[in-house]
PDB file of N, CA and C in Angstrom:
ATOM      1  N   UNK A   1      71.034  12.286  -9.070  1.00  0.00           N
ATOM      2  CA  UNK A   1      70.401  11.145  -9.181  1.00  0.00           C
ATOM      3  C   UNK A   1      69.985  11.086 -10.879  1.00  0.00           C
ATOM      4  N   UNK A   2      69.722  10.389 -11.170  1.00  0.00           N
ATOM      5  CA  UNK A   2      68.862  10.543 -12.681  1.00  0.00           C
ATOM      6  C   UNK A   2      67.483  10.536 -12.785  1.00  0.00           C
ATOM      7  N   UNK A   3      66.778  10.966 -13.605  1.00  0.00           N
ATOM      8  CA  UNK A   3      65.561  11.072 -14.187  1.00  0.00           C
ATOM      9  C   UNK A   3      65.200   9.397 -15.014  1.00  0.00           C
ATOM     10  N   UNK A   4      63.984   9.322 -14.003  1.00  0.00           N
ATOM     11  CA  UNK A   4      63.295   7.844 -14.507  1.00  0.00           C
ATOM     12  C   UNK A   4      62.128   7.838 -15.439  1.00  0.00           C
ATOM     13  N   UNK A   5      61.762   7.182 -16.148  1.00  0.00           N
ATOM     14  CA  UNK A   5      60.493   7.543 -17.152  1.00  0.00           C
ATOM     15  C   UNK A   5      59.479   6.436 -15.752  1.00  0.00           C
ATOM     16  N   UNK A   6      57.646   6.670 -16.121  1.00  0.00           N
ATOM     17  CA  UNK A   6      56.935   5.821 -15.324  1.00  0.00           C
ATOM     18  C   UNK A   6      56.442   4.889 -16.618  1.00  0.00           C
ATOM     19  N   UNK A   7      55.710   3.941 -15.896  1.00  0.00           N
ATOM     20  CA  UNK A   7      55.100   3.258 -17.042  1.00  0.00           C
ATOM     21  C   UNK A   7      53.891   4.090 -18.189  1.00  0.00           C
ATOM     22  N   UNK A   8      54.034   4.828 -17.555  1.00  0.00           N
ATOM     23  CA  UNK A   8      52.944   5.974 -18.366  1.00  0.00           C
ATOM     24  C   UNK A   8      53.618   6.445 -19.596  1.00  0.00           C
ATOM     25  N   UNK A   9      55.055   6.845 -18.860  1.00  0.00           N
ATOM     26  CA  UNK A   9      55.616   7.924 -19.843  1.00  0.00           C
ATOM     27  C   UNK A   9      55.913   9.029 -19.780  1.00  0.00           C
ATOM     28  N   UNK A  10      55.696   9.207 -17.944  1.00  0.00           N
ATOM     29  CA  UNK A  10      56.021  10.782 -17.440  1.00  0.00           C
ATOM     30  C   UNK A  10      57.445  10.291 -16.757  1.00  0.00           C
ATOM     31  N   UNK A  11      58.249  11.410 -16.279  1.00  0.00           N
ATOM     32  CA  UNK A  11      59.373  11.539 -16.122  1.00  0.00           C
ATOM     33  C   UNK A  11      59.239  12.099 -14.391  1.00  0.00           C
ATOM     34  N   UNK A  12      60.208  10.961 -13.733  1.00  0.00           N
ATOM     35  CA  UNK A  12      60.113  11.734 -12.350  1.00  0.00           C
ATOM     36  C   UNK A  12      61.283  11.454 -12.172  1.00  0.00           C
ATOM     37  N   UNK A  13      61.947  12.559 -11.601  1.00  0.00           N
ATOM     38  CA  UNK A  13      62.919  13.111 -10.830  1.00  0.00           C
ATOM     39  C   UNK A  13      62.983  12.748  -9.159  1.00  0.00           C
ATOM     40  N   UNK A  14      63.607  11.570  -9.454  1.00  0.00           N
ATOM     41  CA  UNK A  14      63.944  11.296  -7.534  1.00  0.00           C
ATOM     42  C   UNK A  14      64.838  12.012  -7.159  1.00  0.00           C
ATOM     43  N   UNK A  15      65.810  12.462  -7.101  1.00  0.00           N
ATOM     44  CA  UNK A  15      66.072  13.245  -6.673  1.00  0.00           C
ATOM     45  C   UNK A  15      65.878  14.561  -5.692  1.00  0.00           C
ATOM     46  N   UNK A  16      64.918  15.120  -6.500  1.00  0.00           N
ATOM     47  CA  UNK A  16      63.789  16.632  -6.183  1.00  0.00           C
ATOM     48  C   UNK A  16      63.068  15.787  -5.248  1.00  0.00           C
ATOM     49  N   UNK A  17      62.851  14.471  -5.425  1.00  0.00           N
ATOM     50  CA  UNK A  17      61.602  14.075  -4.373  1.00  0.00           C
ATOM     51  C   UNK A  17      62.174  13.920  -3.548  1.00  0.00           C
ATOM     52  N   UNK A  18      63.274  13.345  -3.437  1.00  0.00           N
ATOM     53  CA  UNK A  18      63.878  12.957  -2.140  1.00  0.00           C
ATOM     54  C   UNK A  18      64.904  14.504  -1.645  1.00  0.00           C
ATOM     55  N   UNK A  19      65.148  15.405  -1.898  1.00  0.00           N
ATOM     56  CA  UNK A  19      64.816  16.533  -1.614  1.00  0.00           C
ATOM     57  C   UNK A  19      64.280  17.377  -0.651  1.00  0.00           C
ATOM     58  N   UNK A  20      62.572  17.257  -1.172  1.00  0.00           N
ATOM     59  CA  UNK A  20      61.608  18.162  -0.709  1.00  0.00           C
ATOM     60  C   UNK A  20      61.408  17.142   0.397  1.00  0.00           C
ATOM     61  N   UNK A  21      61.759  16.312   0.396  1.00  0.00           N
ATOM     62  CA  UNK A  21      61.159  15.220   2.016  1.00  0.00           C
ATOM     63  C   UNK A  21      61.902  14.654   2.365  1.00  0.00           C
ATOM     64  N   UNK A  22      62.982  15.553   2.420  1.00  0.00           N
ATOM     65  CA  UNK A  22      64.392  14.687   3.378  1.00  0.00           C
ATOM     66  C   UNK A  22      63.525  15.177   5.051  1.00  0.00           C
ATOM     67  N   UNK A  23      62.873  16.308   5.484  1.00  0.00           N
ATOM     68  CA  UNK A  23      62.776  16.874   7.060  1.00  0.00           C
ATOM     69  C   UNK A  23      61.540  16.347   7.180  1.00  0.00           C
ATOM     70  N   UNK A  24      60.613  14.791   6.477  1.00  0.00           N
ATOM     71  CA  UNK A  24      59.343  14.736   6.663  1.00  0.00           C
ATOM     72  C   UNK A  24      59.546  13.482   7.584  1.00  0.00           C
ATOM     73  N   UNK A  25      59.234  13.030   8.441  1.00  0.00           N
ATOM     74  CA  UNK A  25      59.046  11.770   9.155  1.00  0.00           C
ATOM     75  C   UNK A  25      58.621  10.440   7.954  1.00  0.00           C
ATOM     76  N   UNK A  26      59.974   9.635   8.019  1.00  0.00           N
ATOM     77  CA  UNK A  26      59.571   8.802   7.592  1.00  0.00           C
ATOM     78  C   UNK A  26      58.647   7.909   7.982  1.00  0.00           C
ATOM     79  N   UNK A  27      57.610   6.784   7.018  1.00  0.00           N
ATOM     80  CA  UNK A  27      56.616   5.940   6.905  1.00  0.00           C
ATOM     81  C   UNK A  27      57.406   4.739   6.896  1.00  0.00           C
ATOM     82  N   UNK A  28      56.963   3.885   8.263  1.00  0.00           N
ATOM     83  CA  UNK A  28      57.854   2.714   8.178  1.00  0.00           C
ATOM     84  C   UNK A  28      57.783   1.830   9.318  1.00  0.00           C
ATOM     85  N   UNK A  29      58.393   0.876   9.810  1.00  0.00           N
ATOM     86  CA  UNK A  29      58.211   0.093  11.161  1.00  0.00           C
ATOM     87  C   UNK A  29      59.056   0.685  12.255  1.00  0.00           C
ATOM     88  N   UNK A  30      60.511   2.041  11.505  1.00  0.00           N
ATOM     89  CA  UNK A  30      60.989   2.343  12.559  1.00  0.00           C
ATOM     90  C   UNK A  30      60.750   3.655  13.079  1.00  0.00           C
ATOM     91  N   UNK A  31      60.615   4.145  14.191  1.00  0.00           N
ATOM     92  CA  UNK A  31      59.959   5.556  14.557  1.00  0.00           C
ATOM     93  C   UNK A  31      61.240   6.265  14.775  1.00  0.00           C
ATOM     94  N   UNK A  32      60.865   7.561  15.182  1.00  0.00           N
ATOM     95  CA  UNK A  32      61.577   8.565  15.468  1.00  0.00           C
ATOM     96  C   UNK A  32      62.934   9.091  14.196  1.00  0.00           C
ATOM     97  N   UNK A  33      62.239   8.424  12.957  1.00  0.00           N
ATOM     98  CA  UNK A  33      63.510   8.930  11.927  1.00  0.00           C
ATOM     99  C   UNK A  33      62.797   9.763  10.739  1.00  0.00           C
ATOM    100  N   UNK A  34      63.371  10.664  10.339  1.00  0.00           N
ATOM    101  CA  UNK A  34      63.003  11.635   9.232  1.00  0.00           C
ATOM    102  C   UNK A  34      63.416  10.814   7.758  1.00  0.00           C
ATOM    103  N   UNK A  35      63.192  11.128   6.656  1.00  0.00           N
ATOM    104  CA  UNK A  35      63.421  10.354   5.676  1.00  0.00           C
ATOM    105  C   UNK A  35      64.727  10.503   5.218  1.00  0.00           C
ATOM    106  N   UNK A  36      65.475  11.334   5.788  1.00  0.00           N
ATOM    107  CA  UNK A  36      67.116  11.514   5.678  1.00  0.00           C
ATOM    108  C   UNK A  36      67.841  10.561   6.558  1.00  0.00           C
ATOM    109  N   UNK A  37      67.344  10.073   7.811  1.00  0.00           N
ATOM    110  CA  UNK A  37      68.103   9.430   8.415  1.00  0.00           C
ATOM    111  C   UNK A  37      68.574   9.732   9.755  1.00  0.00           C
ATOM    112  N   UNK A  38      68.038  11.128  10.252  1.00  0.00           N
ATOM    113  CA  UNK A  38      68.244  11.776  11.067  1.00  0.00           C
ATOM    114  C   UNK A  38      67.302  11.515  12.359  1.00  0.00           C
ATOM    115  N   UNK A  39      67.641  11.164  13.716  1.00  0.00           N
ATOM    116  CA  UNK A  39      66.504  10.215  14.596  1.00  0.00           C
ATOM    117  C   UNK A  39      65.843  12.161  15.082  1.00  0.00           C
ATOM    118  N   UNK A  40      64.698  12.111  15.091  1.00  0.00           N
ATOM    119  CA  UNK A  40      63.651  13.291  15.500  1.00  0.00           C
ATOM    120  C   UNK A  40      62.770  12.992  16.706  1.00  0.00           C
ATOM    121  N   UNK A  41      62.094  13.779  17.278  1.00  0.00           N
ATOM    122  CA  UNK A  41      61.738  13.634  18.529  1.00  0.00           C
ATOM    123  C   UNK A  41      59.861  14.081  18.255  1.00  0.00           C
ATOM    124  N   UNK A  42      59.533  14.067  18.969  1.00  0.00           N
ATOM    125  CA  UNK A  42      57.629  13.820  18.580  1.00  0.00           C
ATOM    126  C   UNK A  42      57.238  14.910  17.782  1.00  0.00           C
ATOM    127  N   UNK A  43      57.955  15.956  17.992  1.00  0.00           N
ATOM    128  CA  UNK A  43      57.568  17.406  17.357  1.00  0.00           C
ATOM    129  C   UNK A  43      58.294  18.090  15.653  1.00  0.00           C
ATOM    130  N   UNK A  44      59.353  16.543  15.419  1.00  0.00           N
ATOM    131  CA  UNK A  44      60.122  16.519  14.147  1.00  0.00           C
ATOM    132  C   UNK A  44      61.272  17.707  14.250  1.00  0.00           C
ATOM    133  N   UNK A  45      61.851  17.621  15.160  1.00  0.00           N
ATOM    134  CA  UNK A  45      62.803  18.636  14.992  1.00  0.00           C
ATOM    135  C   UNK A  45      64.476  17.405  15.823  1.00  0.00           C
ATOM    136  N   UNK A  46      65.083  17.731  14.792  1.00  0.00           N
ATOM    137  CA  UNK A  46      66.004  16.920  14.817  1.00  0.00           C
ATOM    138  C   UNK A  46      67.097  16.971  16.082  1.00  0.00           C
ATOM    139  N   UNK A  47      67.183  15.201  16.656  1.00  0.00           N
ATOM    140  CA  UNK A  47      67.554  15.404  18.541  1.00  0.00           C
ATOM    141  C   UNK A  47      68.955  14.569  18.177  1.00  0.00           C
ATOM    142  N   UNK A  48      69.498  13.701  16.974  1.00  0.00           N
ATOM    143  CA  UNK A  48      70.440  13.470  16.688  1.00  0.00           C
ATOM    144  C   UNK A  48      70.779  12.931  15.352  1.00  0.00           C
ATOM    145  N   UNK A  49      71.748  14.273  14.131  1.00  0.00           N
ATOM    146  CA  UNK A  49      71.990  14.344  12.736  1.00  0.00           C
ATOM    147  C   UNK A  49      72.250  12.700  12.887  1.00  0.00           C
ATOM    148  N   UNK A  50      72.165  12.338  11.177  1.00  0.00           N
ATOM    149  CA  UNK A  50      72.505  11.517  10.481  1.00  0.00           C
ATOM    150  C   UNK A  50      73.648  11.261  10.119  1.00  0.00           C
ATOM    151  N   UNK A  51      74.421  12.291   9.993  1.00  0.00           N
ATOM    152  CA  UNK A  51      75.970  12.589  10.159  1.00  0.00           C
ATOM    153  C   UNK A  51      76.735  12.193  11.275  1.00  0.00           C
ATOM    154  N   UNK A  52      76.134  12.362  12.392  1.00  0.00           N
ATOM    155  CA  UNK A  52      76.781  12.124  13.908  1.00  0.00           C
ATOM    156  C   UNK A  52      76.684  10.295  13.813  1.00  0.00           C
ATOM    157  N   UNK A  53      75.459  10.016  13.469  1.00  0.00           N
ATOM    158  CA  UNK A  53      75.484   8.006  13.816  1.00  0.00           C
ATOM    159  C   UNK A  53      76.207   7.746  13.045  1.00  0.00           C
ATOM    160  N   UNK A  54      76.777   8.153  11.735  1.00  0.00           N
ATOM    161  CA  UNK A  54      78.118   7.648  10.897  1.00  0.00           C
ATOM    162  C   UNK A  54      79.102   7.463  11.580  1.00  0.00           C
ATOM    163  N   UNK A  55      79.266   8.702  11.824  1.00  0.00           N
ATOM    164  CA  UNK A  55      80.793   8.988  12.517  1.00  0.00           C
ATOM    165  C   UNK A  55      81.360   8.049  13.699  1.00  0.00           C
ATOM    166  N   UNK A  56      79.580   7.997  14.478  1.00  0.00           N
ATOM    167  CA  UNK A  56      79.982   7.346  15.637  1.00  0.00           C
ATOM    168  C   UNK A  56      79.844   5.567  15.101  1.00  0.00           C
ATOM    169  N   UNK A  57      79.803   5.595  14.825  1.00  0.00           N
ATOM    170  CA  UNK A  57      79.328   3.751  14.291  1.00  0.00           C
ATOM    171  C   UNK A  57      80.852   3.447  13.638  1.00  0.00           C
ATOM    172  N   UNK A  58      81.353   4.234  12.486  1.00  0.00           N
ATOM    173  CA  UNK A  58      82.749   4.892  12.359  1.00  0.00           C
ATOM    174  C   UNK A  58      83.695   4.300  13.423  1.00  0.00           C
ATOM    175  N   UNK A  59      83.851   5.305  13.909  1.00  0.00           N
ATOM    176  CA  UNK A  59      84.599   5.531  14.868  1.00  0.00           C
ATOM    177  C   UNK A  59      85.176   3.785  16.349  1.00  0.00           C
ATOM    178  N   UNK A  60      83.622   3.217  16.536  1.00  0.00           N
ATOM    179  CA  UNK A  60      83.655   2.333  16.937  1.00  0.00           C
ATOM    180  C   UNK A  60      84.168   1.049  16.293  1.00  0.00           C
ATOM    181  N   UNK A  61      84.195   1.491  14.983  1.00  0.00           N
ATOM    182  CA  UNK A  61      84.464   0.067  13.851  1.00  0.00           C
ATOM    183  C   UNK A  61      86.285   0.275  13.953  1.00  0.00           C
ATOM    184  N   UNK A  62      86.722   1.459  13.201  1.00  0.00           N
ATOM    185  CA  UNK A  62      87.966   1.635  12.980  1.00  0.00           C
ATOM    186  C   UNK A  62      88.282   2.061  14.741  1.00  0.00           C
ATOM    187  N   UNK A  63      89.785   1.173  14.801  1.00  0.00           N
ATOM    188  CA  UNK A  63      90.729   1.292  16.059  1.00  0.00           C
ATOM    189  C   UNK A  63      91.365   2.643  16.545  1.00  0.00           C
ATOM    190  N   UNK A  64      91.508   3.295  15.051  1.00  0.00           N
ATOM    191  CA  UNK A  64      92.874   4.298  15.135  1.00  0.00           C
ATOM    192  C   UNK A  64      92.634   5.892  15.535  1.00  0.00           C
ATOM    193  N   UNK A  65      93.527   6.558  16.006  1.00  0.00           N
ATOM    194  CA  UNK A  65      92.827   8.008  16.031  1.00  0.00           C
ATOM    195  C   UNK A  65      92.884   8.079  15.075  1.00  0.00           C
ATOM    196  N   UNK A  66      93.550   8.361  14.313  1.00  0.00           N
ATOM    197  CA  UNK A  66      93.070   9.559  13.105  1.00  0.00           C
ATOM    198  C   UNK A  66      91.626   9.660  12.536  1.00  0.00           C
ATOM    199  N   UNK A  67      91.206   8.307  12.584  1.00  0.00           N
ATOM    200  CA  UNK A  67      89.792   8.315  12.245  1.00  0.00           C
ATOM    201  C   UNK A  67      88.578   8.704  13.118  1.00  0.00           C
ATOM    202  N   UNK A  68      89.239   9.016  14.384  1.00  0.00           N
ATOM    203  CA  UNK A  68      88.451   9.563  15.348  1.00  0.00           C
ATOM    204  C   UNK A  68      88.583  10.928  15.876  1.00  0.00           C
ATOM    205  N   UNK A  69      89.599  11.267  14.543  1.00  0.00           N
ATOM    206  CA  UNK A  69      89.981  12.722  15.414  1.00  0.00           C
ATOM    207  C   UNK A  69      88.937  13.716  15.326  1.00  0.00           C
ATOM    208  N   UNK A  70      88.065  13.931  14.658  1.00  0.00           N
ATOM    209  CA  UNK A  70      87.693  14.940  14.306  1.00  0.00           C
ATOM    210  C   UNK A  70      85.932  14.734  15.515  1.00  0.00           C
ATOM    211  N   UNK A  71      85.694  13.692  16.647  1.00  0.00           N
ATOM    212  CA  UNK A  71      85.354  13.615  17.436  1.00  0.00           C
ATOM    213  C   UNK A  71      85.633  14.275  18.503  1.00  0.00           C
ATOM    214  N   UNK A  72      84.818  15.775  19.093  1.00  0.00           N
ATOM    215  CA  UNK A  72      85.026  16.314  20.251  1.00  0.00           C
ATOM    216  C   UNK A  72      85.483  15.512  21.502  1.00  0.00           C
ATOM    217  N   UNK A  73      86.521  15.872  21.832  1.00  0.00           N
ATOM    218  CA  UNK A  73      86.712  15.612  23.289  1.00  0.00           C
ATOM    219  C   UNK A  73      86.140  15.929  25.029  1.00  0.00           C
ATOM    220  N   UNK A  74      85.611  14.737  25.371  1.00  0.00           N
ATOM    221  CA  UNK A  74      85.317  15.797  26.467  1.00  0.00           C
ATOM    222  C   UNK A  74      86.168  16.167  27.475  1.00  0.00           C
ATOM    223  N   UNK A  75      85.540  17.549  28.172  1.00  0.00           N
ATOM    224  CA  UNK A  75      86.559  18.249  28.827  1.00  0.00           C
ATOM    225  C   UNK A  75      86.228  17.681  30.196  1.00  0.00           C
ATOM    226  N   UNK A  76      87.676  17.637  30.620  1.00  0.00           N
ATOM    227  CA  UNK A  76      87.853  17.245  32.071  1.00  0.00           C
ATOM    228  C   UNK A  76      88.325  18.086  32.922  1.00  0.00           C
ATOM    229  N   UNK A  77      87.249  18.389  34.109  1.00  0.00           N
ATOM    230  CA  UNK A  77      87.826  19.461  34.856  1.00  0.00           C
ATOM    231  C   UNK A  77      87.801  18.642  36.037  1.00  0.00           C
ATOM    232  N   UNK A  78      89.232  19.181  36.590  1.00  0.00           N
ATOM    233  CA  UNK A  78      89.632  19.081  38.083  1.00  0.00           C
ATOM    234  C   UNK A  78      88.645  18.939  38.989  1.00  0.00           C
ATOM    235  N   UNK A  79      89.015  18.137  40.043  1.00  0.00           N
ATOM    236  CA  UNK A  79      88.384  18.579  41.506  1.00  0.00           C
ATOM    237  C   UNK A  79      88.805  19.163  42.141  1.00  0.00           C
ATOM    238  N   UNK A  80      87.918  20.418  42.332  1.00  0.00           N
ATOM    239  CA  UNK A  80      88.825  21.449  43.494  1.00  0.00           C
ATOM    240  C   UNK A  80      87.670  21.490  44.718  1.00  0.00           C
ATOM    241  N   UNK A  81      88.495  20.942  45.982  1.00  0.00           N
ATOM    242  CA  UNK A  81      88.026  20.660  46.916  1.00  0.00           C
ATOM    243  C   UNK A  81      86.877  22.487  47.467  1.00  0.00           C
ATOM    244  N   UNK A  82      85.880  22.484  47.980  1.00  0.00           N
ATOM    245  CA  UNK A  82      85.533  23.540  48.236  1.00  0.00           C
ATOM    246  C   UNK A  82      85.783  23.608  49.868  1.00  0.00           C
ATOM    247  N   UNK A  83      86.067  25.173  49.999  1.00  0.00           N
ATOM    248  CA  UNK A  83      86.346  25.958  51.081  1.00  0.00           C
ATOM    249  C   UNK A  83      85.676  25.515  52.282  1.00  0.00           C
ATOM    250  N   UNK A  84      86.044  25.123  53.322  1.00  0.00           N
ATOM    251  CA  UNK A  84      85.027  25.503  54.287  1.00  0.00           C
ATOM    252  C   UNK A  84      85.633  26.086  55.522  1.00  0.00           C
ATOM    253  N   UNK A  85      84.437  27.147  55.441  1.00  0.00           N
ATOM    254  CA  UNK A  85      84.343  28.183  56.805  1.00  0.00           C
ATOM    255  C   UNK A  85      84.406  27.645  58.132  1.00  0.00           C
ATOM    256  N   UNK A  86      85.297  27.474  58.869  1.00  0.00           N
ATOM    257  CA  UNK A  86      84.967  26.841  59.997  1.00  0.00           C
ATOM    258  C   UNK A  86      84.019  27.778  61.075  1.00  0.00           C
ATOM    259  N   UNK A  87      83.320  27.181  62.196  1.00  0.00           N
ATOM    260  CA  UNK A  87      82.215  27.616  62.848  1.00  0.00           C
ATOM    261  C   UNK A  87      83.214  28.343  64.038  1.00  0.00           C
ATOM    262  N   UNK A  88      83.150  29.557  64.156  1.00  0.00           N
ATOM    263  CA  UNK A  88      83.965  29.853  65.137  1.00  0.00           C
ATOM    264  C   UNK A  88      83.872  29.580  66.557  1.00  0.00           C
ATOM    265  N   UNK A  89      82.499  28.969  67.063  1.00  0.00           N
ATOM    266  CA  UNK A  89      81.877  28.342  68.371  1.00  0.00           C
ATOM    267  C   UNK A  89      82.885  27.515  68.646  1.00  0.00           C
ATOM    268  N   UNK A  90      82.783  26.235  67.703  1.00  0.00           N
ATOM    269  CA  UNK A  90      83.713  25.187  67.334  1.00  0.00           C
ATOM    270  C   UNK A  90      85.001  25.204  67.668  1.00  0.00           C
ATOM    271  N   UNK A  91      86.157  26.331  67.699  1.00  0.00           N
ATOM    272  CA  UNK A  91      87.163  25.987  67.438  1.00  0.00           C
ATOM    273  C   UNK A  91      87.733  26.402  69.315  1.00  0.00           C
ATOM    274  N   UNK A  92      89.067  26.180  69.028  1.00  0.00           N
ATOM    275  CA  UNK A  92      90.135  26.624  70.317  1.00  0.00           C
ATOM    276  C   UNK A  92      90.507  27.970  70.396  1.00  0.00           C
ATOM    277  N   UNK A  93      90.512  28.529  71.457  1.00  0.00           N
ATOM    278  CA  UNK A  93      91.716  29.383  71.312  1.00  0.00           C
ATOM    279  C   UNK A  93      92.375  29.696  70.466  1.00  0.00           C
ATOM    280  N   UNK A  94      93.493  28.665  70.403  1.00  0.00           N
ATOM    281  CA  UNK A  94      94.570  28.791  69.180  1.00  0.00           C
ATOM    282  C   UNK A  94      94.028  28.980  68.022  1.00  0.00           C
ATOM    283  N   UNK A  95      93.110  27.810  67.800  1.00  0.00           N
ATOM    284  CA  UNK A  95      92.633  27.956  66.447  1.00  0.00           C
ATOM    285  C   UNK A  95      92.043  29.044  66.075  1.00  0.00           C
ATOM    286  N   UNK A  96      91.373  29.863  66.825  1.00  0.00           N
ATOM    287  CA  UNK A  96      90.817  31.091  66.501  1.00  0.00           C
ATOM    288  C   UNK A  96      91.783  32.098  66.019  1.00  0.00           C
ATOM    289  N   UNK A  97      92.822  32.049  66.949  1.00  0.00           N
ATOM    290  CA  UNK A  97      93.719  33.202  66.565  1.00  0.00           C
ATOM    291  C   UNK A  97      94.538  33.059  65.400  1.00  0.00           C
ATOM    292  N   UNK A  98      95.047  31.373  64.675  1.00  0.00           N
ATOM    293  CA  UNK A  98      95.014  31.361  63.869  1.00  0.00           C
ATOM    294  C   UNK A  98      94.546  31.725  62.662  1.00  0.00           C
ATOM    295  N   UNK A  99      93.554  31.137  63.280  1.00  0.00           N
ATOM    296  CA  UNK A  99      92.464  31.897  61.662  1.00  0.00           C
ATOM    297  C   UNK A  99      92.223  33.347  61.156  1.00  0.00           C
ATOM    298  N   UNK A 100      92.529  33.926  62.283  1.00  0.00           N
ATOM    299  CA  UNK A 100      92.501  35.280  62.426  1.00  0.00           C
ATOM    300  C   UNK A 100      94.326  36.517  61.748  1.00  0.00           C
ATOM    301  N   UNK A 101      94.897  35.123  62.189  1.00  0.00           N
ATOM    302  CA  UNK A 101      96.374  35.610  61.312  1.00  0.00           C
ATOM    303  C   UNK A 101      95.940  35.630  59.964  1.00  0.00           C
ATOM    304  N   UNK A 102      95.543  34.404  59.690  1.00  0.00           N
ATOM    305  CA  UNK A 102      95.766  34.043  58.486  1.00  0.00           C
ATOM    306  C   UNK A 102      94.537  34.896  57.878  1.00  0.00           C
ATOM    307  N   UNK A 103      93.810  35.539  58.006  1.00  0.00           N
ATOM    308  CA  UNK A 103      92.582  36.623  57.434  1.00  0.00           C
ATOM    309  C   UNK A 103      93.739  37.813  57.319  1.00  0.00           C
ATOM    310  N   UNK A 104      94.394  37.896  58.214  1.00  0.00           N
ATOM    311  CA  UNK A 104      95.277  38.958  58.640  1.00  0.00           C
ATOM    312  C   UNK A 104      96.227  39.026  56.948  1.00  0.00           C
ATOM    313  N   UNK A 105      97.329  37.659  56.804  1.00  0.00           N
ATOM    314  CA  UNK A 105      97.761  37.517  55.955  1.00  0.00           C
ATOM    315  C   UNK A 105      97.574  37.674  54.586  1.00  0.00           C
ATOM    316  N   UNK A 106      96.220  37.426  54.617  1.00  0.00           N
ATOM    317  CA  UNK A 106      95.627  37.468  52.661  1.00  0.00           C
ATOM    318  C   UNK A 106      94.882  39.058  52.370  1.00  0.00           C
ATOM    319  N   UNK A 107      94.649  39.868  53.770  1.00  0.00           N
ATOM    320  CA  UNK A 107      94.809  41.419  53.190  1.00  0.00           C
ATOM    321  C   UNK A 107      95.670  41.720  53.191  1.00  0.00           C
ATOM    322  N   UNK A 108      96.960  41.558  53.882  1.00  0.00           N
ATOM    323  CA  UNK A 108      97.982  42.008  53.940  1.00  0.00           C
ATOM    324  C   UNK A 108      98.791  41.385  52.336  1.00  0.00           C
ATOM    325  N   UNK A 109      98.750  40.581  51.556  1.00  0.00           N
ATOM    326  CA  UNK A 109      98.551  39.930  50.395  1.00  0.00           C
ATOM    327  C   UNK A 109      97.929  41.158  49.080  1.00  0.00           C
ATOM    328  N   UNK A 110      96.659  41.024  49.511  1.00  0.00           N
ATOM    329  CA  UNK A 110      95.910  41.853  48.883  1.00  0.00           C
ATOM    330  C   UNK A 110      96.516  43.205  48.698  1.00  0.00           C
ATOM    331  N   UNK A 111      96.657  43.891  49.792  1.00  0.00           N
ATOM    332  CA  UNK A 111      97.298  45.129  49.557  1.00  0.00           C
ATOM    333  C   UNK A 111      98.327  45.120  48.816  1.00  0.00           C
ATOM    334  N   UNK A 112      99.576  43.896  48.764  1.00  0.00           N
ATOM    335  CA  UNK A 112     100.684  43.944  48.189  1.00  0.00           C
ATOM    336  C   UNK A 112     100.516  44.099  46.529  1.00  0.00           C
ATOM    337  N   UNK A 113      99.110  43.124  46.511  1.00  0.00           N
ATOM    338  CA  UNK A 113      99.533  43.160  44.997  1.00  0.00           C
ATOM    339  C   UNK A 113      98.967  44.068  44.356  1.00  0.00           C
ATOM    340  N   UNK A 114      97.661  45.022  45.412  1.00  0.00           N
ATOM    341  CA  UNK A 114      97.264  46.528  44.805  1.00  0.00           C
ATOM    342  C   UNK A 114      98.290  47.812  44.446  1.00  0.00           C
ATOM    343  N   UNK A 115      99.291  47.464  45.531  1.00  0.00           N
ATOM    344  CA  UNK A 115     100.387  48.334  45.563  1.00  0.00           C
ATOM    345  C   UNK A 115     101.515  48.009  44.263  1.00  0.00           C
ATOM    346  N   UNK A 116     101.608  46.736  43.810  1.00  0.00           N
ATOM    347  CA  UNK A 116     102.236  46.456  42.563  1.00  0.00           C
ATOM    348  C   UNK A 116     101.809  46.870  41.223  1.00  0.00           C
ATOM    349  N   UNK A 117     100.178  46.788  41.256  1.00  0.00           N
ATOM    350  CA  UNK A 117      99.816  47.088  39.859  1.00  0.00           C
ATOM    351  C   UNK A 117      99.477  48.523  40.023  1.00  0.00           C
ATOM    352  N   UNK A 118      99.507  49.406  41.128  1.00  0.00           N
ATOM    353  CA  UNK A 118      99.132  50.587  41.200  1.00  0.00           C
ATOM    354  C   UNK A 118     101.195  51.555  40.705  1.00  0.00           C
ATOM    355  N   UNK A 119     102.092  50.746  41.110  1.00  0.00           N
ATOM    356  CA  UNK A 119     103.644  50.253  40.907  1.00  0.00           C
ATOM    357  C   UNK A 119     103.365  50.387  39.133  1.00  0.00           C
ATOM    358  N   UNK A 120     103.716  49.509  38.566  1.00  0.00           N
ATOM    359  CA  UNK A 120     103.247  49.142  37.384  1.00  0.00           C
ATOM    360  C   UNK A 120     102.753  50.053  36.345  1.00  0.00           C
ATOM    361  N   UNK A 121     101.276  50.744  36.744  1.00  0.00           N
ATOM    362  CA  UNK A 121     100.678  51.871  35.663  1.00  0.00           C
ATOM    363  C   UNK A 121     101.154  52.818  35.725  1.00  0.00           C
ATOM    364  N   UNK A 122     101.903  53.397  36.771  1.00  0.00           N
ATOM    365  CA  UNK A 122     102.886  54.635  36.845  1.00  0.00           C
ATOM    366  C   UNK A 122     103.749  54.344  35.643  1.00  0.00           C
ATOM    367  N   UNK A 123     104.363  53.203  35.727  1.00  0.00           N
ATOM    368  CA  UNK A 123     105.585  53.497  34.822  1.00  0.00           C
ATOM    369  C   UNK A 123     105.077  53.823  33.757  1.00  0.00           C
TER     370      UNK A 123
END
């Protein structure tokens, strides 16, 4: 910024004044802004920086992907169904036997994995 001369002949450096006061709440009819343009809360902490506002509005205006490359992509998590453990009192005898055999199979698979790990460590 340049240095301006006042009516009285004093020099005023507008750049330094702006830098000193960029974190101060702005005065005017727009609430929750500081002098820099950041959205702030009631305590003066930055909620949304001005650079994010500019990039969001630019991304809405420009439709190509290269303009929006810096925008972080939301992480999509796959829907994993929760495992339901059946109530043994509600199962038929055949279903109980099947559940027990499934548990036994799982235990056997765990033992096999442990044996394979031990065998690979020895080599």
